[in-house]
């Protein structure tokens, strides 16, 4: 929601691929934003924080909800409010060993996604620790970065993910 004209983008992507992809918004911080995302055709809400009111609102409307969490208290509060999964943010503050430890006490059905500070060099460690997936931002895109570099970095991220999955199998 912090990009230029996000609702127009969500509506366009949802119309184009919404039957084949989960489309939604990140950096969602209010109930009004959730309602706007729904109106634009979004079905995914990602927030930078754990707000049980926002989680319950989105969950109650059938959306996939991934709130930002960092502590075990955040995690259990988010799940109690109806979170679909957990976005550990910023992941660089929770090393893979901490993900592994917290996964031991979380419900096994709760996927944990590492977001913030993830790059091709650390994906394998997070997957091995139990992360279900990642949110990738700064290691892939920065304003003004040439498209060829974005493509190169995207290929490296996908390769690192597949390599880590193969090692875990």
N, C-alpha and C. Protein backbone atom coordinates (compact mmCIF):
# COMPACT_ATOMS: atom_id res chain seq x y z
N UNK A 1 0.81 -1.20 0.00
CA UNK A 1 0.00 0.00 0.00
C UNK A 1 0.85 1.26 0.00
N UNK A 2 2.16 1.09 0.08
CA UNK A 2 3.03 2.27 0.09
C UNK A 2 3.68 2.54 -1.26
N UNK A 3 3.11 2.00 -2.31
CA UNK A 3 3.61 2.28 -3.65
C UNK A 3 2.64 3.21 -4.37
N UNK A 4 3.07 3.81 -5.46
CA UNK A 4 2.17 4.72 -6.18
C UNK A 4 0.94 3.98 -6.72
N UNK A 5 -0.23 4.47 -6.39
CA UNK A 5 -1.51 3.96 -6.91
C UNK A 5 -1.66 2.44 -6.77
N UNK A 6 -1.51 1.90 -5.56
CA UNK A 6 -1.52 0.45 -5.39
C UNK A 6 -2.85 -0.21 -5.76
N UNK A 7 -3.96 0.45 -5.53
CA UNK A 7 -5.25 -0.18 -5.79
C UNK A 7 -5.49 -0.38 -7.28
N UNK A 8 -5.01 0.54 -8.10
CA UNK A 8 -5.12 0.38 -9.55
C UNK A 8 -4.28 -0.82 -9.99
N UNK A 9 -3.08 -0.94 -9.42
CA UNK A 9 -2.22 -2.08 -9.75
C UNK A 9 -2.84 -3.40 -9.30
N UNK A 10 -3.38 -3.43 -8.10
CA UNK A 10 -4.02 -4.65 -7.58
C UNK A 10 -5.19 -5.04 -8.47
N UNK A 11 -6.01 -4.07 -8.85
CA UNK A 11 -7.16 -4.36 -9.70
C UNK A 11 -6.72 -4.92 -11.05
N UNK A 12 -5.70 -4.32 -11.65
CA UNK A 12 -5.22 -4.77 -12.96
C UNK A 12 -4.64 -6.18 -12.88
N UNK A 13 -3.81 -6.43 -11.89
CA UNK A 13 -3.20 -7.75 -11.75
C UNK A 13 -4.27 -8.79 -11.40
N UNK A 14 -5.18 -8.44 -10.52
CA UNK A 14 -6.25 -9.35 -10.13
C UNK A 14 -7.10 -9.72 -11.34
N UNK A 15 -7.43 -8.75 -12.16
CA UNK A 15 -8.23 -9.02 -13.36
C UNK A 15 -7.47 -9.91 -14.33
N UNK A 16 -6.17 -9.68 -14.45
CA UNK A 16 -5.37 -10.43 -15.43
C UNK A 16 -5.07 -11.86 -14.98
N UNK A 17 -4.74 -12.05 -13.70
CA UNK A 17 -4.28 -13.37 -13.25
C UNK A 17 -4.91 -13.83 -11.95
N UNK A 18 -5.90 -13.12 -11.47
CA UNK A 18 -6.47 -13.41 -10.16
C UNK A 18 -7.03 -14.81 -9.98
N UNK A 19 -7.40 -15.46 -11.07
CA UNK A 19 -7.89 -16.85 -10.96
C UNK A 19 -6.74 -17.84 -10.84
N UNK A 20 -5.52 -17.40 -11.17
CA UNK A 20 -4.36 -18.29 -11.19
C UNK A 20 -3.29 -17.91 -10.18
N UNK A 21 -3.48 -16.79 -9.51
CA UNK A 21 -2.46 -16.30 -8.57
C UNK A 21 -3.15 -15.61 -7.40
N UNK A 22 -2.50 -15.63 -6.29
CA UNK A 22 -3.00 -14.94 -5.09
C UNK A 22 -2.51 -13.50 -5.14
N UNK A 23 -3.43 -12.59 -5.34
CA UNK A 23 -3.10 -11.17 -5.51
C UNK A 23 -3.57 -10.41 -4.27
N UNK A 24 -2.77 -9.48 -3.81
CA UNK A 24 -3.16 -8.68 -2.66
C UNK A 24 -2.20 -7.54 -2.42
N UNK A 25 -2.10 -7.15 -1.16
CA UNK A 25 -1.30 -5.97 -0.82
C UNK A 25 -0.45 -6.22 0.41
N UNK A 26 0.68 -5.54 0.42
CA UNK A 26 1.54 -5.52 1.58
C UNK A 26 1.52 -4.14 2.21
N UNK A 27 2.13 -4.06 3.37
CA UNK A 27 2.17 -2.82 4.15
C UNK A 27 0.76 -2.30 4.42
N UNK A 28 -0.14 -3.23 4.73
CA UNK A 28 -1.52 -2.89 5.06
C UNK A 28 -1.59 -2.58 6.54
N UNK A 29 -2.08 -1.38 6.87
CA UNK A 29 -2.07 -0.95 8.27
C UNK A 29 -3.41 -0.48 8.81
N UNK A 30 -4.48 -0.61 8.02
CA UNK A 30 -5.78 -0.16 8.52
C UNK A 30 -6.91 -1.00 7.94
N UNK A 31 -8.04 -0.99 8.62
CA UNK A 31 -9.23 -1.69 8.14
C UNK A 31 -9.70 -1.09 6.82
N UNK A 32 -9.62 0.23 6.68
CA UNK A 32 -10.02 0.88 5.43
C UNK A 32 -9.17 0.36 4.27
N UNK A 33 -7.88 0.15 4.49
CA UNK A 33 -7.02 -0.39 3.43
C UNK A 33 -7.44 -1.81 3.07
N UNK A 34 -7.76 -2.62 4.07
CA UNK A 34 -8.22 -3.98 3.80
C UNK A 34 -9.45 -3.94 2.91
N UNK A 35 -10.41 -3.11 3.26
CA UNK A 35 -11.64 -3.01 2.47
C UNK A 35 -11.36 -2.53 1.05
N UNK A 36 -10.40 -1.62 0.89
CA UNK A 36 -10.01 -1.13 -0.44
C UNK A 36 -9.36 -2.24 -1.26
N UNK A 37 -8.55 -3.05 -0.63
CA UNK A 37 -7.91 -4.17 -1.32
C UNK A 37 -8.97 -5.17 -1.79
N UNK A 38 -9.93 -5.46 -0.94
CA UNK A 38 -11.02 -6.37 -1.31
C UNK A 38 -11.77 -5.80 -2.52
N UNK A 39 -12.09 -4.52 -2.47
CA UNK A 39 -12.82 -3.88 -3.56
C UNK A 39 -12.03 -3.92 -4.87
N UNK A 40 -10.71 -3.93 -4.78
CA UNK A 40 -9.86 -3.99 -5.97
C UNK A 40 -9.64 -5.42 -6.45
N UNK A 41 -10.19 -6.39 -5.73
CA UNK A 41 -10.06 -7.79 -6.15
C UNK A 41 -8.97 -8.56 -5.44
N UNK A 42 -8.32 -7.95 -4.46
CA UNK A 42 -7.26 -8.63 -3.73
C UNK A 42 -7.79 -9.67 -2.76
N UNK A 43 -6.97 -10.72 -2.55
CA UNK A 43 -7.35 -11.79 -1.63
C UNK A 43 -6.25 -12.09 -0.60
N UNK A 44 -5.23 -11.23 -0.56
CA UNK A 44 -4.08 -11.41 0.33
C UNK A 44 -3.78 -10.10 1.04
N UNK A 45 -3.60 -10.19 2.35
CA UNK A 45 -3.23 -9.03 3.16
C UNK A 45 -1.94 -9.37 3.91
N UNK A 46 -0.94 -8.53 3.73
CA UNK A 46 0.33 -8.67 4.44
C UNK A 46 0.55 -7.36 5.18
N UNK A 47 0.83 -7.45 6.47
CA UNK A 47 1.04 -6.24 7.25
C UNK A 47 2.43 -6.26 7.88
N UNK A 48 2.93 -5.09 8.26
CA UNK A 48 4.24 -5.04 8.89
C UNK A 48 4.20 -5.32 10.38
N UNK A 49 2.98 -5.48 10.92
CA UNK A 49 2.84 -5.60 12.36
C UNK A 49 1.70 -6.55 12.71
N UNK A 50 1.58 -6.84 14.00
CA UNK A 50 0.53 -7.73 14.50
C UNK A 50 -0.56 -6.90 15.15
N UNK A 51 -1.67 -6.74 14.45
CA UNK A 51 -2.82 -6.02 14.98
C UNK A 51 -4.01 -6.97 14.92
N UNK A 52 -4.41 -7.55 16.05
CA UNK A 52 -5.50 -8.53 16.04
C UNK A 52 -6.78 -8.03 15.40
N UNK A 53 -7.09 -6.74 15.50
CA UNK A 53 -8.30 -6.21 14.86
C UNK A 53 -8.21 -6.31 13.34
N UNK A 54 -7.07 -5.96 12.79
CA UNK A 54 -6.88 -6.06 11.34
C UNK A 54 -6.92 -7.51 10.88
N UNK A 55 -6.25 -8.37 11.63
CA UNK A 55 -6.21 -9.79 11.28
C UNK A 55 -7.62 -10.37 11.27
N UNK A 56 -8.38 -10.11 12.33
CA UNK A 56 -9.74 -10.64 12.42
C UNK A 56 -10.62 -10.10 11.30
N UNK A 57 -10.47 -8.82 10.98
CA UNK A 57 -11.27 -8.21 9.92
C UNK A 57 -10.99 -8.90 8.58
N UNK A 58 -9.73 -9.05 8.24
CA UNK A 58 -9.37 -9.66 6.96
C UNK A 58 -9.72 -11.14 6.93
N UNK A 59 -9.42 -11.84 8.00
CA UNK A 59 -9.73 -13.26 8.09
C UNK A 59 -11.23 -13.50 7.99
N UNK A 60 -12.01 -12.65 8.65
CA UNK A 60 -13.46 -12.77 8.62
C UNK A 60 -14.05 -12.56 7.23
N UNK A 61 -13.29 -11.99 6.35
CA UNK A 61 -13.74 -11.78 4.97
C UNK A 61 -13.12 -12.80 4.02
N UNK A 62 -12.49 -13.82 4.60
CA UNK A 62 -11.96 -14.92 3.80
C UNK A 62 -10.64 -14.68 3.12
N UNK A 63 -9.92 -13.66 3.55
CA UNK A 63 -8.63 -13.36 2.93
C UNK A 63 -7.51 -14.17 3.56
N UNK A 64 -6.45 -14.35 2.81
CA UNK A 64 -5.20 -14.88 3.35
C UNK A 64 -4.55 -13.72 4.08
N UNK A 65 -4.17 -13.94 5.35
CA UNK A 65 -3.64 -12.86 6.19
C UNK A 65 -2.29 -13.27 6.76
N UNK A 66 -1.27 -12.47 6.46
CA UNK A 66 0.08 -12.73 6.94
C UNK A 66 0.58 -11.48 7.67
N UNK A 67 0.36 -11.42 8.98
CA UNK A 67 0.82 -10.25 9.74
C UNK A 67 2.30 -10.35 10.08
N UNK A 68 2.91 -9.19 10.23
CA UNK A 68 4.30 -9.12 10.65
C UNK A 68 4.41 -9.43 12.14
N UNK A 69 5.30 -10.35 12.47
CA UNK A 69 5.52 -10.76 13.86
C UNK A 69 7.02 -10.89 14.11
N UNK A 70 7.40 -10.80 15.37
CA UNK A 70 8.80 -11.01 15.71
C UNK A 70 8.96 -11.81 17.00
N UNK A 71 7.99 -11.71 17.88
CA UNK A 71 8.09 -12.41 19.16
C UNK A 71 7.09 -13.56 19.22
N UNK A 72 7.33 -14.53 20.11
CA UNK A 72 6.34 -15.58 20.29
C UNK A 72 4.96 -15.03 20.68
N UNK A 73 4.93 -13.98 21.48
CA UNK A 73 3.64 -13.38 21.85
C UNK A 73 2.91 -12.86 20.62
N UNK A 74 3.63 -12.15 19.74
CA UNK A 74 3.05 -11.69 18.47
C UNK A 74 2.49 -12.88 17.69
N UNK A 75 3.26 -13.92 17.60
CA UNK A 75 2.89 -15.08 16.78
C UNK A 75 1.61 -15.73 17.27
N UNK A 76 1.54 -15.99 18.56
CA UNK A 76 0.34 -16.63 19.09
C UNK A 76 -0.86 -15.70 19.05
N UNK A 77 -0.67 -14.40 19.27
CA UNK A 77 -1.77 -13.44 19.16
C UNK A 77 -2.29 -13.39 17.73
N UNK A 78 -1.39 -13.41 16.76
CA UNK A 78 -1.79 -13.37 15.35
C UNK A 78 -2.59 -14.61 14.99
N UNK A 79 -2.12 -15.77 15.40
CA UNK A 79 -2.83 -17.00 15.09
C UNK A 79 -4.19 -17.04 15.77
N UNK A 80 -4.26 -16.59 17.03
CA UNK A 80 -5.54 -16.54 17.75
C UNK A 80 -6.54 -15.62 17.07
N UNK A 81 -6.04 -14.57 16.40
CA UNK A 81 -6.92 -13.61 15.73
C UNK A 81 -7.36 -14.08 14.34
N UNK A 82 -6.75 -15.17 13.86
CA UNK A 82 -7.17 -15.72 12.57
C UNK A 82 -6.15 -15.64 11.46
N UNK A 83 -4.90 -15.35 11.78
CA UNK A 83 -3.86 -15.27 10.74
C UNK A 83 -3.74 -16.60 10.02
N UNK A 84 -3.54 -16.52 8.72
CA UNK A 84 -3.33 -17.70 7.89
C UNK A 84 -1.92 -18.25 8.09
N UNK A 85 -0.99 -17.34 8.27
CA UNK A 85 0.42 -17.67 8.46
C UNK A 85 1.10 -16.49 9.11
N UNK A 86 2.40 -16.59 9.29
CA UNK A 86 3.15 -15.56 10.01
C UNK A 86 4.29 -15.03 9.14
N UNK A 87 4.40 -13.72 9.10
CA UNK A 87 5.49 -13.06 8.38
C UNK A 87 6.48 -12.58 9.44
N UNK A 88 7.57 -13.31 9.60
CA UNK A 88 8.60 -12.88 10.55
C UNK A 88 9.31 -11.69 9.92
N UNK A 89 9.18 -10.54 10.60
CA UNK A 89 9.70 -9.29 10.04
C UNK A 89 10.24 -8.40 11.15
N UNK A 90 11.43 -7.88 10.96
CA UNK A 90 12.39 -8.22 9.92
C UNK A 90 13.14 -9.50 10.27
N UNK A 91 13.20 -10.40 9.32
CA UNK A 91 13.80 -11.71 9.56
C UNK A 91 15.26 -11.61 9.96
N UNK A 92 15.93 -10.57 9.51
CA UNK A 92 17.35 -10.44 9.87
C UNK A 92 17.53 -10.28 11.38
N UNK A 93 16.46 -9.95 12.11
CA UNK A 93 16.53 -9.90 13.57
C UNK A 93 16.20 -11.24 14.22
N UNK A 94 15.72 -12.20 13.42
CA UNK A 94 15.42 -13.54 13.93
C UNK A 94 16.19 -14.54 13.07
N UNK A 95 17.34 -14.95 13.52
CA UNK A 95 18.16 -15.86 12.72
C UNK A 95 17.47 -17.22 12.54
N UNK A 96 17.94 -18.01 11.59
CA UNK A 96 17.34 -19.32 11.37
C UNK A 96 17.23 -20.17 12.64
N UNK A 97 18.20 -20.10 13.52
CA UNK A 97 18.12 -20.90 14.75
C UNK A 97 16.91 -20.52 15.60
N UNK A 98 16.55 -19.24 15.59
CA UNK A 98 15.36 -18.80 16.33
C UNK A 98 14.09 -19.25 15.64
N UNK A 99 14.07 -19.24 14.32
CA UNK A 99 12.91 -19.77 13.57
C UNK A 99 12.71 -21.23 13.94
N UNK A 100 13.78 -22.00 13.95
CA UNK A 100 13.69 -23.42 14.28
C UNK A 100 13.15 -23.61 15.70
N UNK A 101 13.62 -22.82 16.64
CA UNK A 101 13.16 -22.94 18.02
C UNK A 101 11.68 -22.60 18.16
N UNK A 102 11.24 -21.52 17.51
CA UNK A 102 9.84 -21.12 17.64
C UNK A 102 8.93 -22.09 16.90
N UNK A 103 9.39 -22.66 15.79
CA UNK A 103 8.58 -23.64 15.07
C UNK A 103 8.26 -24.85 15.95
N UNK A 104 9.13 -25.14 16.93
CA UNK A 104 8.91 -26.28 17.81
C UNK A 104 7.69 -26.10 18.71
N UNK A 105 7.28 -24.85 18.94
CA UNK A 105 6.14 -24.61 19.83
C UNK A 105 4.91 -24.07 19.11
N UNK A 106 5.06 -23.66 17.86
CA UNK A 106 3.92 -23.18 17.08
C UNK A 106 3.10 -24.37 16.58
N UNK A 107 1.82 -24.15 16.30
CA UNK A 107 1.06 -25.22 15.65
C UNK A 107 1.73 -25.60 14.33
N UNK A 108 1.81 -26.88 14.05
CA UNK A 108 2.51 -27.32 12.83
C UNK A 108 1.84 -26.81 11.56
N UNK A 109 0.57 -26.44 11.65
CA UNK A 109 -0.16 -25.95 10.49
C UNK A 109 0.11 -24.48 10.18
N UNK A 110 0.86 -23.81 11.03
CA UNK A 110 1.12 -22.37 10.85
C UNK A 110 2.39 -22.15 10.03
N UNK A 111 2.25 -21.75 8.76
CA UNK A 111 3.45 -21.48 7.98
C UNK A 111 4.11 -20.19 8.43
N UNK A 112 5.43 -20.20 8.41
CA UNK A 112 6.23 -19.04 8.79
C UNK A 112 7.02 -18.59 7.57
N UNK A 113 6.88 -17.31 7.23
CA UNK A 113 7.57 -16.74 6.09
C UNK A 113 8.59 -15.73 6.60
N UNK A 114 9.82 -15.83 6.12
CA UNK A 114 10.88 -14.91 6.52
C UNK A 114 10.91 -13.73 5.55
N UNK A 115 10.85 -12.52 6.09
CA UNK A 115 10.79 -11.31 5.27
C UNK A 115 11.70 -10.26 5.89
N UNK A 116 12.53 -9.66 5.07
CA UNK A 116 13.42 -8.59 5.55
C UNK A 116 14.83 -9.11 5.73
N UNK A 117 15.69 -8.78 4.80
CA UNK A 117 17.08 -9.22 4.88
C UNK A 117 17.32 -10.58 4.23
N UNK A 118 16.36 -11.06 3.45
CA UNK A 118 16.51 -12.35 2.78
C UNK A 118 17.18 -12.14 1.43
N UNK A 119 18.15 -13.01 1.14
CA UNK A 119 18.87 -12.95 -0.13
C UNK A 119 19.28 -14.37 -0.51
N UNK A 120 19.84 -14.53 -1.68
CA UNK A 120 20.21 -15.86 -2.18
C UNK A 120 21.15 -16.59 -1.23
N UNK A 121 21.97 -15.87 -0.51
CA UNK A 121 22.95 -16.49 0.38
C UNK A 121 22.40 -17.03 1.69
N UNK A 122 21.19 -16.62 2.10
CA UNK A 122 20.68 -17.12 3.38
C UNK A 122 19.36 -17.87 3.28
N UNK A 123 18.81 -18.01 2.08
CA UNK A 123 17.54 -18.71 1.93
C UNK A 123 17.61 -20.15 2.42
N UNK A 124 18.69 -20.83 2.09
CA UNK A 124 18.83 -22.23 2.46
C UNK A 124 18.77 -22.44 3.97
N UNK A 125 19.43 -21.57 4.71
CA UNK A 125 19.42 -21.69 6.17
C UNK A 125 18.01 -21.52 6.74
N UNK A 126 17.27 -20.55 6.19
CA UNK A 126 15.91 -20.31 6.67
C UNK A 126 14.98 -21.46 6.30
N UNK A 127 15.13 -22.01 5.09
CA UNK A 127 14.30 -23.16 4.71
C UNK A 127 14.61 -24.36 5.60
N UNK A 128 15.90 -24.60 5.85
CA UNK A 128 16.29 -25.72 6.70
C UNK A 128 15.75 -25.57 8.12
N UNK A 129 15.57 -24.33 8.56
CA UNK A 129 15.06 -24.06 9.90
C UNK A 129 13.55 -24.17 9.99
N UNK A 130 12.88 -24.27 8.83
CA UNK A 130 11.44 -24.44 8.85
C UNK A 130 10.63 -23.34 8.20
N UNK A 131 11.28 -22.34 7.63
CA UNK A 131 10.52 -21.30 6.92
C UNK A 131 9.81 -21.93 5.73
N UNK A 132 8.56 -21.52 5.53
CA UNK A 132 7.76 -22.03 4.42
C UNK A 132 8.03 -21.27 3.14
N UNK A 133 8.56 -20.07 3.27
CA UNK A 133 8.81 -19.24 2.11
C UNK A 133 9.34 -17.89 2.53
N UNK A 134 9.36 -16.96 1.57
CA UNK A 134 10.02 -15.69 1.79
C UNK A 134 9.27 -14.53 1.18
N UNK A 135 9.52 -13.36 1.71
CA UNK A 135 9.17 -12.11 1.07
C UNK A 135 10.48 -11.48 0.66
N UNK A 136 10.58 -11.14 -0.60
CA UNK A 136 11.82 -10.59 -1.13
C UNK A 136 11.57 -9.14 -1.54
N UNK A 137 12.42 -8.26 -1.09
CA UNK A 137 12.27 -6.85 -1.45
C UNK A 137 13.60 -6.27 -1.88
N UNK A 138 14.34 -5.74 -0.92
CA UNK A 138 15.55 -4.99 -1.19
C UNK A 138 16.64 -5.77 -1.91
N UNK A 139 16.67 -7.09 -1.75
CA UNK A 139 17.71 -7.85 -2.45
C UNK A 139 17.35 -8.06 -3.92
N UNK A 140 16.13 -7.69 -4.30
CA UNK A 140 15.72 -7.83 -5.69
C UNK A 140 15.51 -6.48 -6.37
N UNK A 141 14.85 -5.56 -5.69
CA UNK A 141 14.47 -4.31 -6.35
C UNK A 141 14.84 -3.09 -5.52
N UNK A 142 15.40 -2.12 -6.20
CA UNK A 142 15.63 -0.78 -5.65
C UNK A 142 15.30 0.19 -6.78
N UNK A 143 14.72 1.32 -6.45
CA UNK A 143 14.39 2.32 -7.47
C UNK A 143 15.63 2.65 -8.29
N UNK A 144 15.48 2.63 -9.57
CA UNK A 144 16.58 2.96 -10.48
C UNK A 144 17.47 1.79 -10.85
N UNK A 145 17.25 0.63 -10.26
CA UNK A 145 18.07 -0.54 -10.59
C UNK A 145 17.73 -0.99 -12.00
N UNK A 146 18.74 -1.20 -12.83
CA UNK A 146 18.49 -1.62 -14.21
C UNK A 146 17.76 -2.97 -14.28
N UNK A 147 16.88 -3.10 -15.25
CA UNK A 147 16.09 -4.32 -15.41
C UNK A 147 16.97 -5.56 -15.56
N UNK A 148 18.09 -5.44 -16.24
CA UNK A 148 19.00 -6.58 -16.42
C UNK A 148 19.52 -7.07 -15.08
N UNK A 149 19.79 -6.17 -14.15
CA UNK A 149 20.26 -6.56 -12.82
C UNK A 149 19.13 -7.20 -12.01
N UNK A 150 17.93 -6.68 -12.15
CA UNK A 150 16.78 -7.28 -11.47
C UNK A 150 16.59 -8.70 -11.98
N UNK A 151 16.66 -8.87 -13.29
CA UNK A 151 16.51 -10.21 -13.88
C UNK A 151 17.60 -11.16 -13.36
N UNK A 152 18.84 -10.69 -13.36
CA UNK A 152 19.95 -11.51 -12.87
C UNK A 152 19.73 -11.92 -11.42
N UNK A 153 19.33 -10.96 -10.59
CA UNK A 153 19.12 -11.25 -9.17
C UNK A 153 17.92 -12.15 -8.95
N UNK A 154 16.87 -11.99 -9.75
CA UNK A 154 15.69 -12.85 -9.64
C UNK A 154 16.05 -14.30 -9.99
N UNK A 155 16.83 -14.47 -11.02
CA UNK A 155 17.27 -15.82 -11.42
C UNK A 155 18.10 -16.44 -10.30
N UNK A 156 18.99 -15.67 -9.69
CA UNK A 156 19.81 -16.17 -8.59
C UNK A 156 18.95 -16.55 -7.38
N UNK A 157 17.93 -15.75 -7.07
CA UNK A 157 17.04 -16.06 -5.95
C UNK A 157 16.26 -17.35 -6.20
N UNK A 158 15.72 -17.49 -7.39
CA UNK A 158 14.97 -18.71 -7.71
C UNK A 158 15.89 -19.92 -7.66
N UNK A 159 17.09 -19.80 -8.20
CA UNK A 159 18.04 -20.91 -8.18
C UNK A 159 18.41 -21.29 -6.74
N UNK A 160 18.65 -20.28 -5.90
CA UNK A 160 18.99 -20.55 -4.50
C UNK A 160 17.83 -21.24 -3.78
N UNK A 161 16.61 -20.81 -4.07
CA UNK A 161 15.44 -21.43 -3.45
C UNK A 161 15.33 -22.90 -3.86
N UNK A 162 15.45 -23.19 -5.16
CA UNK A 162 15.35 -24.57 -5.64
C UNK A 162 16.49 -25.43 -5.10
N UNK A 163 17.67 -24.87 -5.04
CA UNK A 163 18.81 -25.61 -4.49
C UNK A 163 18.57 -25.96 -3.02
N UNK A 164 18.05 -25.00 -2.27
CA UNK A 164 17.77 -25.25 -0.85
C UNK A 164 16.66 -26.28 -0.69
N UNK A 165 15.65 -26.21 -1.53
CA UNK A 165 14.58 -27.22 -1.47
C UNK A 165 15.12 -28.61 -1.77
N UNK A 166 15.99 -28.72 -2.76
CA UNK A 166 16.57 -30.01 -3.12
C UNK A 166 17.39 -30.58 -1.98
N UNK A 167 18.13 -29.72 -1.29
CA UNK A 167 18.94 -30.19 -0.15
C UNK A 167 18.05 -30.66 0.99
N UNK A 168 16.92 -29.99 1.17
CA UNK A 168 16.01 -30.34 2.27
C UNK A 168 15.24 -31.63 1.98
N UNK A 169 15.12 -31.98 0.71
CA UNK A 169 14.33 -33.18 0.33
C UNK A 169 15.05 -34.47 0.62
